[in-house]
Every structure is written in C-alpha cells, then in structure tokens.
Amino acid sequence: MIRDIVLYGHPALRAKGIRIARVDDSVRQLAVDMLETMEDAAGVGLAAQQVGVPLQLTVVDISCVEDRPSRMWVDGREVDPLGHMPLILLNPQLEPGGEKESGQEGCLSFPEITAEIVRPSRAKVDAVDLEGHPVVFECDGLLARALQHEVDHLHGVLFIDRMNSATRAGLTGRLKRLKRDNS
C-alpha cells in the first residue's frame, strides 16, 4: 500500500525513532508499504518518520540511479551493491568515515528542494533485517550518502539542518511556506 509522505512541518519528521524490539506483521507491512511508497515517489530512500511513524526503520534502493556510483563491502570483501537492493534496515547504527565531500541531495519530504550537502564519503552500517539477522557492511558513494540522510531522519535530523547558512537563507521563504502548510 502506498502511504502518504509527510512534508516539512509535520511533527513526525522531528521525532526520534523508537527502537524496534520485535519484528511483527505490522513492522513487516510497514517495510513493504515504505518500499512501495519510495518506488512510487521515485526516491532512493525513505525513513519511517516520512510516512508518519516514529520507528527506527528505513528502506534504501539505489538501483535506479546510474550516474552516481556506489561501492559496498561485506566482511571486508567488495560486493556489488545492486545485488543487495533494496535494503530494509531496522535499528541502524552508522559510523561515518572517509573524507568529507559535497553532494546534491533532495528529500521526498521537501518537494522540489535540493541542495549541496557536505557529508563523509563512507559509512559503516550495523543493523538488523526483517528476519532479525544482523546486517553489517561498509559503503561509499550514493549509498553512503543516502544511508546517512535516512539515518538522520531516524533521529529527527533533516537535510536542511546540514545545509550551509547561505543555502538555507536562500530557501527561507520556500521552507516557511512548506512548514506553514504542513504544520
């Protein structure tokens, strides 16, 4: 089922996600719904907060993006990240690393707003899948950027919080309108 994506101003976007202690049918259904919602919106990631549910759950699928490469390592061995898509991650812990780099980001909760955001180029991920199995890997490129963006959502942090002050100032009017219309 495709769910509504909440927009900037909705209180769920600032909510810290509750840790998922037990995977039940409602969590499984939420994950399936989030994948369908993300695909329908042509996104590469979606956090539970973006569908109004404050849980530590995110989905990511970079397979539709060909011009922003990613690499992935499992147990120290490089693997094809596309073979692991889509990712459904519960309670993800992220350890960013590598050099900081600027990259274009958008967010499904901020329609038609994009900005250059500086983030570390790599990330180590430690999470759980829907079967309760550990998911541990390292990544770089778009996958690392998307995961950092989505894990930020799980902690109530939005990509506008990562913008430099000049960029954010240039978007002030659009952000105020969006927030006003969705509060």
N, C-alpha and C. Protein backbone atom coordinates (compact mmCIF):
# COMPACT_ATOMS: atom_id res chain seq x y z
N MET A 1 0.84 -1.17 0.00
CA MET A 1 0.00 0.00 0.00
C MET A 1 0.89 1.24 0.00
N ILE A 2 0.60 2.14 -0.90
CA ILE A 2 1.35 3.39 -0.95
C ILE A 2 0.79 4.33 0.12
N ARG A 3 1.70 4.80 0.96
CA ARG A 3 1.33 5.70 2.05
C ARG A 3 1.62 7.14 1.67
N ASP A 4 0.98 8.05 2.37
CA ASP A 4 1.26 9.46 2.18
C ASP A 4 2.62 9.78 2.79
N ILE A 5 3.41 10.55 2.07
CA ILE A 5 4.68 11.03 2.60
C ILE A 5 4.42 12.36 3.29
N VAL A 6 4.80 12.45 4.56
CA VAL A 6 4.58 13.69 5.28
C VAL A 6 5.62 14.72 4.85
N LEU A 7 5.20 15.97 4.84
CA LEU A 7 6.05 17.05 4.37
C LEU A 7 6.56 17.88 5.54
N TYR A 8 7.60 18.65 5.26
CA TYR A 8 8.22 19.51 6.26
C TYR A 8 7.15 20.31 6.99
N GLY A 9 7.22 20.29 8.30
CA GLY A 9 6.22 20.92 9.15
C GLY A 9 5.46 19.87 9.95
N HIS A 10 5.40 18.66 9.42
CA HIS A 10 4.73 17.57 10.15
C HIS A 10 5.62 17.17 11.33
N PRO A 11 5.04 17.05 12.53
CA PRO A 11 5.86 16.76 13.72
C PRO A 11 6.60 15.42 13.68
N ALA A 12 6.12 14.46 12.91
CA ALA A 12 6.81 13.15 12.85
C ALA A 12 8.23 13.29 12.31
N LEU A 13 8.48 14.30 11.47
CA LEU A 13 9.82 14.45 10.89
C LEU A 13 10.87 14.83 11.93
N ARG A 14 10.44 15.41 13.03
CA ARG A 14 11.39 15.78 14.09
C ARG A 14 11.40 14.76 15.23
N ALA A 15 10.62 13.70 15.10
CA ALA A 15 10.55 12.68 16.15
C ALA A 15 11.72 11.72 16.06
N LYS A 16 12.29 11.38 17.20
CA LYS A 16 13.33 10.36 17.24
C LYS A 16 12.65 9.00 17.19
N GLY A 17 13.14 8.15 16.31
CA GLY A 17 12.53 6.85 16.12
C GLY A 17 12.69 5.93 17.32
N ILE A 18 11.64 5.18 17.59
CA ILE A 18 11.67 4.19 18.67
C ILE A 18 12.36 2.93 18.15
N ARG A 19 13.23 2.40 18.96
CA ARG A 19 13.94 1.17 18.60
C ARG A 19 12.93 0.02 18.45
N ILE A 20 13.10 -0.78 17.42
CA ILE A 20 12.20 -1.91 17.16
C ILE A 20 12.74 -3.12 17.93
N ALA A 21 12.01 -3.55 18.95
CA ALA A 21 12.45 -4.66 19.79
C ALA A 21 12.03 -6.00 19.21
N ARG A 22 10.91 -6.01 18.48
CA ARG A 22 10.39 -7.27 17.96
C ARG A 22 9.77 -7.01 16.59
N VAL A 23 10.13 -7.85 15.63
CA VAL A 23 9.55 -7.73 14.30
C VAL A 23 8.26 -8.52 14.26
N ASP A 24 7.16 -7.83 14.01
CA ASP A 24 5.86 -8.50 13.90
C ASP A 24 5.26 -8.16 12.53
N ASP A 25 4.04 -8.60 12.29
CA ASP A 25 3.41 -8.37 11.00
C ASP A 25 3.25 -6.89 10.68
N SER A 26 3.01 -6.06 11.70
CA SER A 26 2.84 -4.63 11.43
C SER A 26 4.15 -3.99 10.97
N VAL A 27 5.27 -4.43 11.52
CA VAL A 27 6.58 -3.91 11.08
C VAL A 27 6.87 -4.39 9.66
N ARG A 28 6.60 -5.66 9.39
CA ARG A 28 6.82 -6.20 8.04
C ARG A 28 5.97 -5.45 7.01
N GLN A 29 4.71 -5.20 7.36
CA GLN A 29 3.82 -4.50 6.43
C GLN A 29 4.28 -3.06 6.22
N LEU A 30 4.73 -2.42 7.29
CA LEU A 30 5.24 -1.06 7.17
C LEU A 30 6.42 -1.04 6.20
N ALA A 31 7.34 -1.99 6.31
CA ALA A 31 8.50 -2.05 5.43
C ALA A 31 8.07 -2.22 3.97
N VAL A 32 7.13 -3.11 3.72
CA VAL A 32 6.63 -3.32 2.36
C VAL A 32 5.97 -2.04 1.84
N ASP A 33 5.15 -1.43 2.67
CA ASP A 33 4.49 -0.18 2.28
C ASP A 33 5.51 0.91 1.98
N MET A 34 6.56 0.98 2.79
CA MET A 34 7.58 2.01 2.59
C MET A 34 8.32 1.79 1.27
N LEU A 35 8.62 0.53 0.94
CA LEU A 35 9.27 0.24 -0.34
C LEU A 35 8.37 0.68 -1.50
N GLU A 36 7.10 0.34 -1.44
CA GLU A 36 6.16 0.72 -2.50
C GLU A 36 6.03 2.24 -2.59
N THR A 37 5.98 2.91 -1.45
CA THR A 37 5.86 4.36 -1.40
C THR A 37 7.10 5.02 -1.99
N MET A 38 8.28 4.52 -1.60
CA MET A 38 9.54 5.07 -2.11
C MET A 38 9.62 4.90 -3.63
N GLU A 39 9.28 3.73 -4.11
CA GLU A 39 9.32 3.46 -5.55
C GLU A 39 8.34 4.35 -6.30
N ASP A 40 7.13 4.48 -5.77
CA ASP A 40 6.12 5.31 -6.40
C ASP A 40 6.56 6.77 -6.48
N ALA A 41 7.30 7.23 -5.48
CA ALA A 41 7.77 8.61 -5.44
C ALA A 41 9.11 8.80 -6.14
N ALA A 42 9.66 7.71 -6.71
CA ALA A 42 10.96 7.75 -7.40
C ALA A 42 12.09 8.22 -6.48
N GLY A 43 12.05 7.75 -5.23
CA GLY A 43 13.10 8.08 -4.27
C GLY A 43 14.12 6.95 -4.17
N VAL A 44 15.22 7.23 -3.48
CA VAL A 44 16.24 6.20 -3.23
C VAL A 44 16.27 5.79 -1.77
N GLY A 45 15.52 6.49 -0.93
CA GLY A 45 15.47 6.14 0.48
C GLY A 45 14.22 6.72 1.12
N LEU A 46 13.80 6.07 2.20
CA LEU A 46 12.63 6.54 2.93
C LEU A 46 12.75 6.06 4.37
N ALA A 47 12.56 6.96 5.30
CA ALA A 47 12.57 6.63 6.72
C ALA A 47 11.12 6.55 7.21
N ALA A 48 10.90 5.75 8.24
CA ALA A 48 9.55 5.58 8.78
C ALA A 48 8.92 6.91 9.17
N GLN A 49 9.72 7.84 9.66
CA GLN A 49 9.19 9.16 10.04
C GLN A 49 8.52 9.84 8.85
N GLN A 50 9.00 9.57 7.65
CA GLN A 50 8.46 10.22 6.46
C GLN A 50 7.07 9.71 6.08
N VAL A 51 6.65 8.61 6.68
CA VAL A 51 5.27 8.16 6.50
C VAL A 51 4.51 8.29 7.83
N GLY A 52 5.06 9.11 8.72
CA GLY A 52 4.39 9.46 9.96
C GLY A 52 4.52 8.47 11.09
N VAL A 53 5.48 7.55 10.99
CA VAL A 53 5.66 6.50 12.00
C VAL A 53 7.05 6.65 12.62
N PRO A 54 7.15 7.05 13.89
CA PRO A 54 8.46 7.28 14.51
C PRO A 54 9.13 5.98 15.00
N LEU A 55 9.61 5.19 14.05
CA LEU A 55 10.34 3.94 14.36
C LEU A 55 11.71 3.98 13.73
N GLN A 56 12.61 3.16 14.23
CA GLN A 56 13.96 3.02 13.68
C GLN A 56 13.92 2.04 12.51
N LEU A 57 13.35 2.48 11.40
CA LEU A 57 13.21 1.65 10.20
C LEU A 57 13.42 2.52 8.97
N THR A 58 14.28 2.07 8.08
CA THR A 58 14.49 2.78 6.83
C THR A 58 14.63 1.78 5.69
N VAL A 59 14.29 2.24 4.50
CA VAL A 59 14.47 1.44 3.29
C VAL A 59 15.30 2.27 2.32
N VAL A 60 16.17 1.60 1.57
CA VAL A 60 17.03 2.27 0.60
C VAL A 60 17.14 1.37 -0.63
N ASP A 61 17.09 2.00 -1.80
CA ASP A 61 17.32 1.28 -3.05
C ASP A 61 17.93 2.24 -4.05
N ILE A 62 19.21 2.05 -4.32
CA ILE A 62 19.93 2.94 -5.24
C ILE A 62 19.97 2.38 -6.66
N SER A 63 19.30 1.27 -6.91
CA SER A 63 19.43 0.59 -8.20
C SER A 63 18.90 1.41 -9.38
N CYS A 64 18.06 2.40 -9.11
CA CYS A 64 17.50 3.21 -10.20
C CYS A 64 18.41 4.37 -10.61
N VAL A 65 19.53 4.54 -9.91
CA VAL A 65 20.43 5.67 -10.18
C VAL A 65 21.70 5.13 -10.83
N GLU A 66 21.95 5.55 -12.06
CA GLU A 66 23.10 5.04 -12.79
C GLU A 66 24.28 6.00 -12.83
N ASP A 67 24.04 7.28 -12.58
CA ASP A 67 25.10 8.27 -12.74
C ASP A 67 25.80 8.65 -11.43
N ARG A 68 25.46 7.98 -10.33
CA ARG A 68 26.12 8.25 -9.04
C ARG A 68 26.53 6.91 -8.44
N PRO A 69 27.74 6.46 -8.74
CA PRO A 69 28.14 5.11 -8.34
C PRO A 69 28.30 4.93 -6.83
N SER A 70 28.25 3.69 -6.42
CA SER A 70 28.44 3.29 -5.03
C SER A 70 29.29 2.04 -5.00
N ARG A 71 29.96 1.85 -3.87
CA ARG A 71 30.66 0.58 -3.61
C ARG A 71 30.21 0.08 -2.25
N MET A 72 30.35 -1.24 -2.08
CA MET A 72 29.89 -1.87 -0.84
C MET A 72 30.84 -3.00 -0.49
N TRP A 73 31.12 -3.13 0.82
CA TRP A 73 31.99 -4.19 1.31
C TRP A 73 31.27 -4.95 2.42
N VAL A 74 31.27 -6.27 2.30
CA VAL A 74 30.71 -7.15 3.33
C VAL A 74 31.84 -8.06 3.78
N ASP A 75 32.09 -8.09 5.07
CA ASP A 75 33.20 -8.89 5.62
C ASP A 75 34.53 -8.55 4.94
N GLY A 76 34.72 -7.28 4.63
CA GLY A 76 35.97 -6.83 4.03
C GLY A 76 36.11 -7.11 2.54
N ARG A 77 35.12 -7.78 1.95
CA ARG A 77 35.16 -8.11 0.52
C ARG A 77 34.22 -7.18 -0.25
N GLU A 78 34.71 -6.64 -1.34
CA GLU A 78 33.85 -5.78 -2.14
C GLU A 78 32.79 -6.62 -2.85
N VAL A 79 31.55 -6.15 -2.79
CA VAL A 79 30.42 -6.84 -3.43
C VAL A 79 29.68 -5.82 -4.29
N ASP A 80 28.84 -6.31 -5.17
CA ASP A 80 28.01 -5.43 -5.99
C ASP A 80 26.85 -4.94 -5.15
N PRO A 81 26.77 -3.63 -4.89
CA PRO A 81 25.68 -3.13 -4.05
C PRO A 81 24.30 -3.41 -4.63
N LEU A 82 24.20 -3.46 -5.95
CA LEU A 82 22.89 -3.69 -6.57
C LEU A 82 22.34 -5.06 -6.22
N GLY A 83 23.22 -6.01 -5.93
CA GLY A 83 22.79 -7.33 -5.52
C GLY A 83 22.20 -7.37 -4.12
N HIS A 84 22.29 -6.26 -3.39
CA HIS A 84 21.77 -6.18 -2.02
C HIS A 84 20.59 -5.23 -1.91
N MET A 85 20.10 -4.76 -3.04
CA MET A 85 18.98 -3.81 -3.04
C MET A 85 17.67 -4.56 -3.21
N PRO A 86 16.59 -4.08 -2.62
CA PRO A 86 16.53 -2.97 -1.69
C PRO A 86 17.00 -3.39 -0.30
N LEU A 87 17.47 -2.42 0.45
CA LEU A 87 17.86 -2.64 1.84
C LEU A 87 16.70 -2.25 2.74
N ILE A 88 16.40 -3.12 3.68
CA ILE A 88 15.43 -2.82 4.74
C ILE A 88 16.21 -2.93 6.04
N LEU A 89 16.38 -1.82 6.72
CA LEU A 89 17.25 -1.77 7.90
C LEU A 89 16.47 -1.34 9.14
N LEU A 90 16.56 -2.16 10.16
CA LEU A 90 15.95 -1.87 11.45
C LEU A 90 17.04 -1.48 12.43
N ASN A 91 16.78 -0.47 13.22
CA ASN A 91 17.70 -0.01 14.27
C ASN A 91 19.12 0.21 13.74
N PRO A 92 19.27 0.88 12.60
CA PRO A 92 20.62 1.03 12.04
C PRO A 92 21.50 1.96 12.87
N GLN A 93 22.73 1.54 13.02
CA GLN A 93 23.77 2.36 13.63
C GLN A 93 24.76 2.67 12.52
N LEU A 94 25.18 3.90 12.43
CA LEU A 94 26.04 4.34 11.34
C LEU A 94 27.31 4.92 11.90
N GLU A 95 28.40 4.55 11.29
CA GLU A 95 29.70 5.13 11.63
C GLU A 95 30.26 5.77 10.37
N PRO A 96 30.03 7.09 10.19
CA PRO A 96 30.55 7.77 9.00
C PRO A 96 32.07 7.82 9.04
N GLY A 97 32.68 7.84 7.86
CA GLY A 97 34.14 7.92 7.78
C GLY A 97 34.57 8.44 6.42
N GLY A 98 35.87 8.50 6.24
CA GLY A 98 36.40 8.99 4.97
C GLY A 98 36.40 10.51 4.94
N GLU A 99 36.87 11.02 3.82
CA GLU A 99 36.92 12.46 3.65
C GLU A 99 35.53 13.01 3.45
N LYS A 100 35.35 14.26 3.86
CA LYS A 100 34.06 14.92 3.64
C LYS A 100 33.99 15.36 2.19
N GLU A 101 32.78 15.22 1.63
CA GLU A 101 32.58 15.66 0.25
C GLU A 101 31.19 16.26 0.10
N SER A 102 31.08 17.15 -0.84
CA SER A 102 29.81 17.81 -1.11
C SER A 102 29.06 17.02 -2.17
N GLY A 103 27.75 16.91 -2.01
CA GLY A 103 26.94 16.21 -3.00
C GLY A 103 25.51 16.72 -2.98
N GLN A 104 24.87 16.61 -4.11
CA GLN A 104 23.49 17.07 -4.26
C GLN A 104 22.54 16.12 -3.53
N GLU A 105 21.63 16.69 -2.74
CA GLU A 105 20.62 15.90 -2.04
C GLU A 105 19.27 16.55 -2.19
N GLY A 106 18.27 15.70 -2.19
CA GLY A 106 16.89 16.14 -2.13
C GLY A 106 16.23 15.27 -1.08
N CYS A 107 14.96 15.49 -0.84
CA CYS A 107 14.24 14.72 0.17
C CYS A 107 12.77 14.68 -0.22
N LEU A 108 12.18 13.50 -0.14
CA LEU A 108 10.77 13.35 -0.51
C LEU A 108 9.85 14.18 0.37
N SER A 109 10.30 14.57 1.56
CA SER A 109 9.50 15.40 2.46
C SER A 109 9.69 16.90 2.19
N PHE A 110 10.53 17.23 1.21
CA PHE A 110 10.79 18.61 0.79
C PHE A 110 10.71 18.67 -0.73
N PRO A 111 9.50 18.59 -1.28
CA PRO A 111 9.36 18.53 -2.74
C PRO A 111 10.06 19.70 -3.44
N GLU A 112 10.77 19.35 -4.49
CA GLU A 112 11.42 20.32 -5.37
C GLU A 112 12.48 21.18 -4.69
N ILE A 113 13.00 20.73 -3.56
CA ILE A 113 14.09 21.44 -2.89
C ILE A 113 15.31 20.52 -2.88
N THR A 114 16.41 21.01 -3.41
CA THR A 114 17.67 20.28 -3.40
C THR A 114 18.77 21.24 -2.95
N ALA A 115 19.86 20.64 -2.48
CA ALA A 115 20.99 21.47 -2.05
C ALA A 115 22.25 20.62 -2.00
N GLU A 116 23.37 21.28 -2.05
CA GLU A 116 24.66 20.63 -1.85
C GLU A 116 24.84 20.43 -0.34
N ILE A 117 25.07 19.20 0.06
CA ILE A 117 25.25 18.86 1.47
C ILE A 117 26.62 18.20 1.63
N VAL A 118 27.36 18.61 2.65
CA VAL A 118 28.67 18.02 2.93
C VAL A 118 28.48 16.87 3.92
N ARG A 119 28.98 15.70 3.53
CA ARG A 119 28.91 14.51 4.39
C ARG A 119 30.19 13.71 4.20
N PRO A 120 30.51 12.84 5.18
CA PRO A 120 31.62 11.91 4.98
C PRO A 120 31.35 11.00 3.78
N SER A 121 32.40 10.62 3.09
CA SER A 121 32.26 9.85 1.85
C SER A 121 31.94 8.37 2.07
N ARG A 122 32.16 7.87 3.28
CA ARG A 122 31.95 6.45 3.55
C ARG A 122 31.06 6.28 4.78
N ALA A 123 30.57 5.06 4.95
CA ALA A 123 29.80 4.75 6.15
C ALA A 123 29.90 3.26 6.44
N LYS A 124 29.98 2.94 7.72
CA LYS A 124 29.88 1.57 8.17
C LYS A 124 28.50 1.43 8.80
N VAL A 125 27.79 0.39 8.42
CA VAL A 125 26.40 0.21 8.86
C VAL A 125 26.29 -1.07 9.67
N ASP A 126 25.57 -0.98 10.77
CA ASP A 126 25.28 -2.13 11.62
C ASP A 126 23.78 -2.06 11.93
N ALA A 127 23.03 -3.03 11.40
CA ALA A 127 21.57 -3.00 11.54
C ALA A 127 21.06 -4.43 11.64
N VAL A 128 19.73 -4.55 11.58
CA VAL A 128 19.06 -5.85 11.61
C VAL A 128 18.07 -5.86 10.45
N ASP A 129 17.88 -7.03 9.84
CA ASP A 129 16.88 -7.12 8.77
C ASP A 129 15.54 -7.60 9.33
N LEU A 130 14.57 -7.79 8.47
CA LEU A 130 13.23 -8.18 8.92
C LEU A 130 13.17 -9.56 9.55
N GLU A 131 14.17 -10.39 9.28
CA GLU A 131 14.22 -11.73 9.88
C GLU A 131 15.00 -11.73 11.19
N GLY A 132 15.48 -10.57 11.60
CA GLY A 132 16.24 -10.47 12.84
C GLY A 132 17.72 -10.79 12.68
N HIS A 133 18.18 -10.94 11.43
CA HIS A 133 19.59 -11.23 11.16
C HIS A 133 20.40 -9.93 11.11
N PRO A 134 21.62 -9.97 11.61
CA PRO A 134 22.46 -8.77 11.54
C PRO A 134 22.82 -8.43 10.09
N VAL A 135 22.88 -7.14 9.82
CA VAL A 135 23.29 -6.62 8.52
C VAL A 135 24.45 -5.68 8.80
N VAL A 136 25.64 -6.06 8.38
CA VAL A 136 26.84 -5.25 8.62
C VAL A 136 27.58 -5.09 7.31
N PHE A 137 27.87 -3.85 6.94
CA PHE A 137 28.61 -3.60 5.71
C PHE A 137 29.20 -2.20 5.75
N GLU A 138 30.10 -1.93 4.82
CA GLU A 138 30.64 -0.59 4.61
C GLU A 138 30.29 -0.17 3.20
N CYS A 139 30.20 1.12 2.98
CA CYS A 139 29.84 1.59 1.65
C CYS A 139 30.38 3.00 1.42
N ASP A 140 30.36 3.39 0.14
CA ASP A 140 30.69 4.76 -0.21
C ASP A 140 29.79 5.20 -1.35
N GLY A 141 30.02 6.39 -1.85
CA GLY A 141 29.23 6.89 -2.96
C GLY A 141 27.80 7.23 -2.55
N LEU A 142 26.89 7.10 -3.51
CA LEU A 142 25.50 7.44 -3.26
C LEU A 142 24.91 6.63 -2.12
N LEU A 143 25.27 5.36 -2.01
CA LEU A 143 24.72 4.52 -0.95
C LEU A 143 25.08 5.08 0.42
N ALA A 144 26.33 5.49 0.61
CA ALA A 144 26.74 6.07 1.90
C ALA A 144 25.98 7.37 2.17
N ARG A 145 25.83 8.19 1.15
CA ARG A 145 25.12 9.46 1.31
C ARG A 145 23.65 9.20 1.64
N ALA A 146 23.00 8.30 0.90
CA ALA A 146 21.58 8.01 1.14
C ALA A 146 21.37 7.45 2.55
N LEU A 147 22.24 6.56 2.99
CA LEU A 147 22.10 5.98 4.32
C LEU A 147 22.29 7.03 5.41
N GLN A 148 23.26 7.93 5.23
CA GLN A 148 23.45 8.99 6.22
C GLN A 148 22.21 9.89 6.28
N HIS A 149 21.65 10.20 5.12
CA HIS A 149 20.44 11.03 5.05
C HIS A 149 19.28 10.34 5.77
N GLU A 150 19.07 9.05 5.49
CA GLU A 150 17.94 8.33 6.09
C GLU A 150 18.13 8.10 7.59
N VAL A 151 19.34 7.77 8.02
CA VAL A 151 19.58 7.57 9.45
C VAL A 151 19.43 8.90 10.19
N ASP A 152 19.79 10.01 9.56
CA ASP A 152 19.49 11.31 10.16
C ASP A 152 17.99 11.42 10.45
N HIS A 153 17.16 11.07 9.46
CA HIS A 153 15.70 11.11 9.66
C HIS A 153 15.28 10.33 10.91
N LEU A 154 15.90 9.18 11.12
CA LEU A 154 15.52 8.33 12.25
C LEU A 154 15.81 8.99 13.59
N HIS A 155 16.62 10.05 13.56
CA HIS A 155 16.96 10.79 14.78
C HIS A 155 16.36 12.20 14.78
N GLY A 156 15.44 12.44 13.85
CA GLY A 156 14.78 13.74 13.80
C GLY A 156 15.62 14.85 13.18
N VAL A 157 16.68 14.46 12.47
CA VAL A 157 17.56 15.43 11.82
C VAL A 157 17.20 15.47 10.33
N LEU A 158 17.02 16.68 9.80
CA LEU A 158 16.62 16.85 8.41
C LEU A 158 17.77 17.41 7.59
N PHE A 159 17.72 17.19 6.26
CA PHE A 159 18.84 17.63 5.44
C PHE A 159 18.98 19.15 5.45
N ILE A 160 17.92 19.87 5.76
CA ILE A 160 18.06 21.33 5.86
C ILE A 160 18.93 21.71 7.05
N ASP A 161 19.02 20.82 8.05
CA ASP A 161 19.89 21.07 9.21
C ASP A 161 21.36 20.96 8.83
N ARG A 162 21.64 20.29 7.71
CA ARG A 162 23.02 20.09 7.24
C ARG A 162 23.43 21.10 6.18
N MET A 163 22.49 21.95 5.75
CA MET A 163 22.81 22.95 4.73
C MET A 163 23.69 24.04 5.32
N ASN A 164 24.52 24.64 4.46
CA ASN A 164 25.26 25.80 4.96
C ASN A 164 24.29 26.97 5.08
N SER A 165 24.67 27.96 5.86
CA SER A 165 23.75 29.04 6.20
C SER A 165 23.31 29.84 4.97
N ALA A 166 24.19 30.01 3.98
CA ALA A 166 23.81 30.77 2.78
C ALA A 166 22.74 30.03 1.98
N THR A 167 22.90 28.73 1.85
CA THR A 167 21.92 27.93 1.12
C THR A 167 20.57 27.96 1.83
N ARG A 168 20.62 27.76 3.13
CA ARG A 168 19.37 27.75 3.91
C ARG A 168 18.70 29.12 3.86
N ALA A 169 19.48 30.18 3.93
CA ALA A 169 18.90 31.53 3.86
C ALA A 169 18.21 31.74 2.52
N GLY A 170 18.78 31.22 1.45
CA GLY A 170 18.18 31.35 0.13
C GLY A 170 16.87 30.58 -0.01
N LEU A 171 16.65 29.62 0.86
CA LEU A 171 15.43 28.80 0.81
C LEU A 171 14.41 29.19 1.88
N THR A 172 14.71 30.23 2.66
CA THR A 172 13.87 30.59 3.80
C THR A 172 12.40 30.72 3.45
N GLY A 173 12.08 31.45 2.41
CA GLY A 173 10.68 31.66 2.04
C GLY A 173 9.97 30.36 1.69
N ARG A 174 10.62 29.52 0.88
CA ARG A 174 10.01 28.24 0.48
C ARG A 174 9.83 27.32 1.69
N LEU A 175 10.83 27.31 2.58
CA LEU A 175 10.74 26.46 3.77
C LEU A 175 9.63 26.94 4.71
N LYS A 176 9.50 28.25 4.88
CA LYS A 176 8.44 28.78 5.75
C LYS A 176 7.06 28.41 5.21
N ARG A 177 6.88 28.55 3.90
CA ARG A 177 5.58 28.19 3.30
C ARG A 177 5.29 26.70 3.47
N LEU A 178 6.29 25.87 3.19
CA LEU A 178 6.11 24.41 3.32
C LEU A 178 5.76 24.05 4.75
N LYS A 179 6.48 24.62 5.70
CA LYS A 179 6.23 24.34 7.11
C LYS A 179 4.84 24.83 7.53
N ARG A 180 4.49 26.01 7.11
CA ARG A 180 3.18 26.57 7.45
C ARG A 180 2.05 25.70 6.89
N ASP A 181 2.20 25.25 5.67
CA ASP A 181 1.15 24.46 5.01
C ASP A 181 1.02 23.04 5.57
N ASN A 182 2.03 22.58 6.32
CA ASN A 182 2.02 21.18 6.79
C ASN A 182 2.10 21.03 8.30
N SER A 183 1.99 22.14 9.02
CA SER A 183 2.03 22.06 10.49
C SER A 183 0.64 21.75 11.06
